C-alpha atoms as a PDB file:
ATOM      1  CA  UNK A   1       0.000   0.000   0.000  1.00  0.00           C
ATOM      2  CA  UNK A   2       1.372   3.412  -0.894  1.00  0.00           C
ATOM      3  CA  UNK A   3       0.547   6.552   0.984  1.00  0.00           C
ATOM      4  CA  UNK A   4       1.198   9.976  -0.426  1.00  0.00           C
ATOM      5  CA  UNK A   5       1.108  13.425   1.009  1.00  0.00           C
ATOM      6  CA  UNK A   6      -1.886  15.395  -0.183  1.00  0.00           C
ATOM      7  CA  UNK A   7      -1.031  17.813  -2.914  1.00  0.00           C
ATOM      8  CA  UNK A   8      -2.133  21.387  -3.280  1.00  0.00           C
ATOM      9  CA  UNK A   9      -1.705  24.394  -1.060  1.00  0.00           C
ATOM     10  CA  UNK A  10      -3.248  22.911   2.093  1.00  0.00           C
ATOM     11  CA  UNK A  11      -0.798  21.234   4.442  1.00  0.00           C
ATOM     12  CA  UNK A  12      -1.480  17.907   6.127  1.00  0.00           C
ATOM     13  CA  UNK A  13      -2.402  18.233   9.814  1.00  0.00           C
ATOM     14  CA  UNK A  14      -1.052  16.007  12.575  1.00  0.00           C
ATOM     15  CA  UNK A  15      -4.524  14.453  12.938  1.00  0.00           C
ATOM     16  CA  UNK A  16      -4.592  13.603   9.234  1.00  0.00           C
ATOM     17  CA  UNK A  17      -1.104  12.132   9.511  1.00  0.00           C
ATOM     18  CA  UNK A  18      -2.226  10.110  12.537  1.00  0.00           C
ATOM     19  CA  UNK A  19      -5.151   8.697  10.560  1.00  0.00           C
ATOM     20  CA  UNK A  20      -2.886   7.798   7.623  1.00  0.00           C
ATOM     21  CA  UNK A  21      -0.278   6.101   9.834  1.00  0.00           C
ATOM     22  CA  UNK A  22      -2.952   4.155  11.727  1.00  0.00           C
ATOM     23  CA  UNK A  23      -4.431   3.007   8.418  1.00  0.00           C
ATOM     24  CA  UNK A  24      -1.057   1.728   7.207  1.00  0.00           C
ATOM     25  CA  UNK A  25      -0.465   0.086  10.596  1.00  0.00           C
ATOM     26  CA  UNK A  26      -3.853  -1.624  10.522  1.00  0.00           C
ATOM     27  CA  UNK A  27      -3.263  -2.937   6.981  1.00  0.00           C
ATOM     28  CA  UNK A  28       0.132  -4.339   7.994  1.00  0.00           C
ATOM     29  CA  UNK A  29      -1.060  -6.046  11.183  1.00  0.00           C
ATOM     30  CA  UNK A  30       0.062  -3.680  13.942  1.00  0.00           C
ATOM     31  CA  UNK A  31      -1.708  -3.072  17.231  1.00  0.00           C
ATOM     32  CA  UNK A  32      -1.723   0.668  17.815  1.00  0.00           C
ATOM     33  CA  UNK A  33      -2.309   2.882  20.813  1.00  0.00           C
ATOM     34  CA  UNK A  34      -2.895   6.619  20.737  1.00  0.00           C
ATOM     35  CA  UNK A  35      -3.809   8.674  23.804  1.00  0.00           C
ATOM     36  CA  UNK A  36      -7.052  10.422  22.928  1.00  0.00           C
ATOM     37  CA  UNK A  37      -6.850  13.162  25.597  1.00  0.00           C
ATOM     38  CA  UNK A  38      -3.150  13.937  25.935  1.00  0.00           C
ATOM     39  CA  UNK A  39      -3.891  16.951  28.155  1.00  0.00           C
ATOM     40  CA  UNK A  40      -4.471  14.468  30.993  1.00  0.00           C
ATOM     41  CA  UNK A  41      -1.311  12.434  30.336  1.00  0.00           C
ATOM     42  CA  UNK A  42       2.415  12.798  30.940  1.00  0.00           C
ATOM     43  CA  UNK A  43       3.805  15.654  28.837  1.00  0.00           C
ATOM     44  CA  UNK A  44       5.816  14.600  25.827  1.00  0.00           C
ATOM     45  CA  UNK A  45       4.799  10.939  25.550  1.00  0.00           C
ATOM     46  CA  UNK A  46       4.862   9.910  21.860  1.00  0.00           C
ATOM     47  CA  UNK A  47       1.682  10.052  19.798  1.00  0.00           C
ATOM     48  CA  UNK A  48       1.664   6.394  18.800  1.00  0.00           C
ATOM     49  CA  UNK A  49       2.810   3.108  20.268  1.00  0.00           C
ATOM     50  CA  UNK A  50       2.653   0.148  17.866  1.00  0.00           C
ATOM     51  CA  UNK A  51       3.351  -3.538  18.481  1.00  0.00           C
ATOM     52  CA  UNK A  52       3.676  -6.465  16.063  1.00  0.00           C
ATOM     53  CA  UNK A  53       5.691  -9.693  15.994  1.00  0.00           C
ATOM     54  CA  UNK A  54       8.080  -8.779  18.811  1.00  0.00           C
ATOM     55  CA  UNK A  55       8.648  -5.236  17.548  1.00  0.00           C
ATOM     56  CA  UNK A  56       7.706  -2.094  19.424  1.00  0.00           C
ATOM     57  CA  UNK A  57       7.589   1.228  17.590  1.00  0.00           C
ATOM     58  CA  UNK A  58       6.995   4.644  19.135  1.00  0.00           C
ATOM     59  CA  UNK A  59       6.254   7.543  16.817  1.00  0.00           C
ATOM     60  CA  UNK A  60       5.931  11.249  17.416  1.00  0.00           C
ATOM     61  CA  UNK A  61       3.878  12.793  14.623  1.00  0.00           C
ATOM     62  CA  UNK A  62       4.498  16.320  13.434  1.00  0.00           C
ATOM     63  CA  UNK A  63       3.305  18.579  10.666  1.00  0.00           C
ATOM     64  CA  UNK A  64       6.024  19.511   8.179  1.00  0.00           C
ATOM     65  CA  UNK A  65       6.985  22.542  10.233  1.00  0.00           C
ATOM     66  CA  UNK A  66       6.099  21.191  13.678  1.00  0.00           C
ATOM     67  CA  UNK A  67       8.820  21.103  16.315  1.00  0.00           C
ATOM     68  CA  UNK A  68       9.602  18.432  18.868  1.00  0.00           C
ATOM     69  CA  UNK A  69       9.277  19.856  22.372  1.00  0.00           C
ATOM     70  CA  UNK A  70      11.862  19.332  25.091  1.00  0.00           C
ATOM     71  CA  UNK A  71       9.512  16.924  26.915  1.00  0.00           C
ATOM     72  CA  UNK A  72       8.909  14.968  23.692  1.00  0.00           C
ATOM     73  CA  UNK A  73      12.638  14.721  23.010  1.00  0.00           C
ATOM     74  CA  UNK A  74      13.257  13.468  26.558  1.00  0.00           C
ATOM     75  CA  UNK A  75      10.727  10.662  26.022  1.00  0.00           C
ATOM     76  CA  UNK A  76      12.094   9.806  22.582  1.00  0.00           C
ATOM     77  CA  UNK A  77      15.674   9.637  23.873  1.00  0.00           C
ATOM     78  CA  UNK A  78      14.687   7.532  26.897  1.00  0.00           C
ATOM     79  CA  UNK A  79      12.693   5.090  24.770  1.00  0.00           C
ATOM     80  CA  UNK A  80      15.415   4.842  22.139  1.00  0.00           C
ATOM     81  CA  UNK A  81      17.844   3.938  24.922  1.00  0.00           C
ATOM     82  CA  UNK A  82      15.813   0.796  25.614  1.00  0.00           C
ATOM     83  CA  UNK A  83      16.292  -0.517  22.087  1.00  0.00           C
ATOM     84  CA  UNK A  84      12.751  -0.013  20.798  1.00  0.00           C
ATOM     85  CA  UNK A  85      12.267   1.694  17.450  1.00  0.00           C
ATOM     86  CA  UNK A  86      11.630   5.427  17.790  1.00  0.00           C
ATOM     87  CA  UNK A  87      10.651   7.836  15.027  1.00  0.00           C
ATOM     88  CA  UNK A  88       9.574  11.409  14.407  1.00  0.00           C
ATOM     89  CA  UNK A  89       7.336  11.241  11.356  1.00  0.00           C
ATOM     90  CA  UNK A  90       6.017  14.029   9.125  1.00  0.00           C
ATOM     91  CA  UNK A  91       3.632  13.945   6.159  1.00  0.00           C
ATOM     92  CA  UNK A  92       6.578  13.886   3.744  1.00  0.00           C
ATOM     93  CA  UNK A  93       7.688  10.614   5.382  1.00  0.00           C
ATOM     94  CA  UNK A  94       4.587   8.625   4.392  1.00  0.00           C
ATOM     95  CA  UNK A  95       6.356   6.359   1.895  1.00  0.00           C
ATOM     96  CA  UNK A  96       9.095   5.630   4.441  1.00  0.00           C
ATOM     97  CA  UNK A  97       6.499   5.017   7.145  1.00  0.00           C
ATOM     98  CA  UNK A  98       4.841   2.423   4.947  1.00  0.00           C
ATOM     99  CA  UNK A  99       8.236   0.725   4.404  1.00  0.00           C
ATOM    100  CA  UNK A 100       9.026   0.677   8.156  1.00  0.00           C
ATOM    101  CA  UNK A 101       5.633  -0.739   9.062  1.00  0.00           C
ATOM    102  CA  UNK A 102       5.660  -3.307   6.247  1.00  0.00           C
ATOM    103  CA  UNK A 103       9.075  -4.660   7.191  1.00  0.00           C
ATOM    104  CA  UNK A 104       9.132  -8.009   8.970  1.00  0.00           C
ATOM    105  CA  UNK A 105      11.937  -8.821  11.381  1.00  0.00           C
ATOM    106  CA  UNK A 106      12.754 -12.477  11.957  1.00  0.00           C
END
């Protein structure tokens, strides 16, 4: 399955990116978790946690110009230190996201 960034003058929002990533994840067999009300959660925790076949992926989703906050970077660094896969994904990364989520590790 190929995903492409929407063309035209309108930029893709983080919510639209979230929907696209979750769709790719669903089609490739991942369990996904996204905190619906992040205002009641720990600051900076990544937008998505995905699990499949012994792999754990955490992804922070950003618009093309969105910036990772200090709290988000702290979480990403801490999680990466455990050996799980950690990504910051933007709409322009959709083809790469599909490749990462399609990949099987034996």
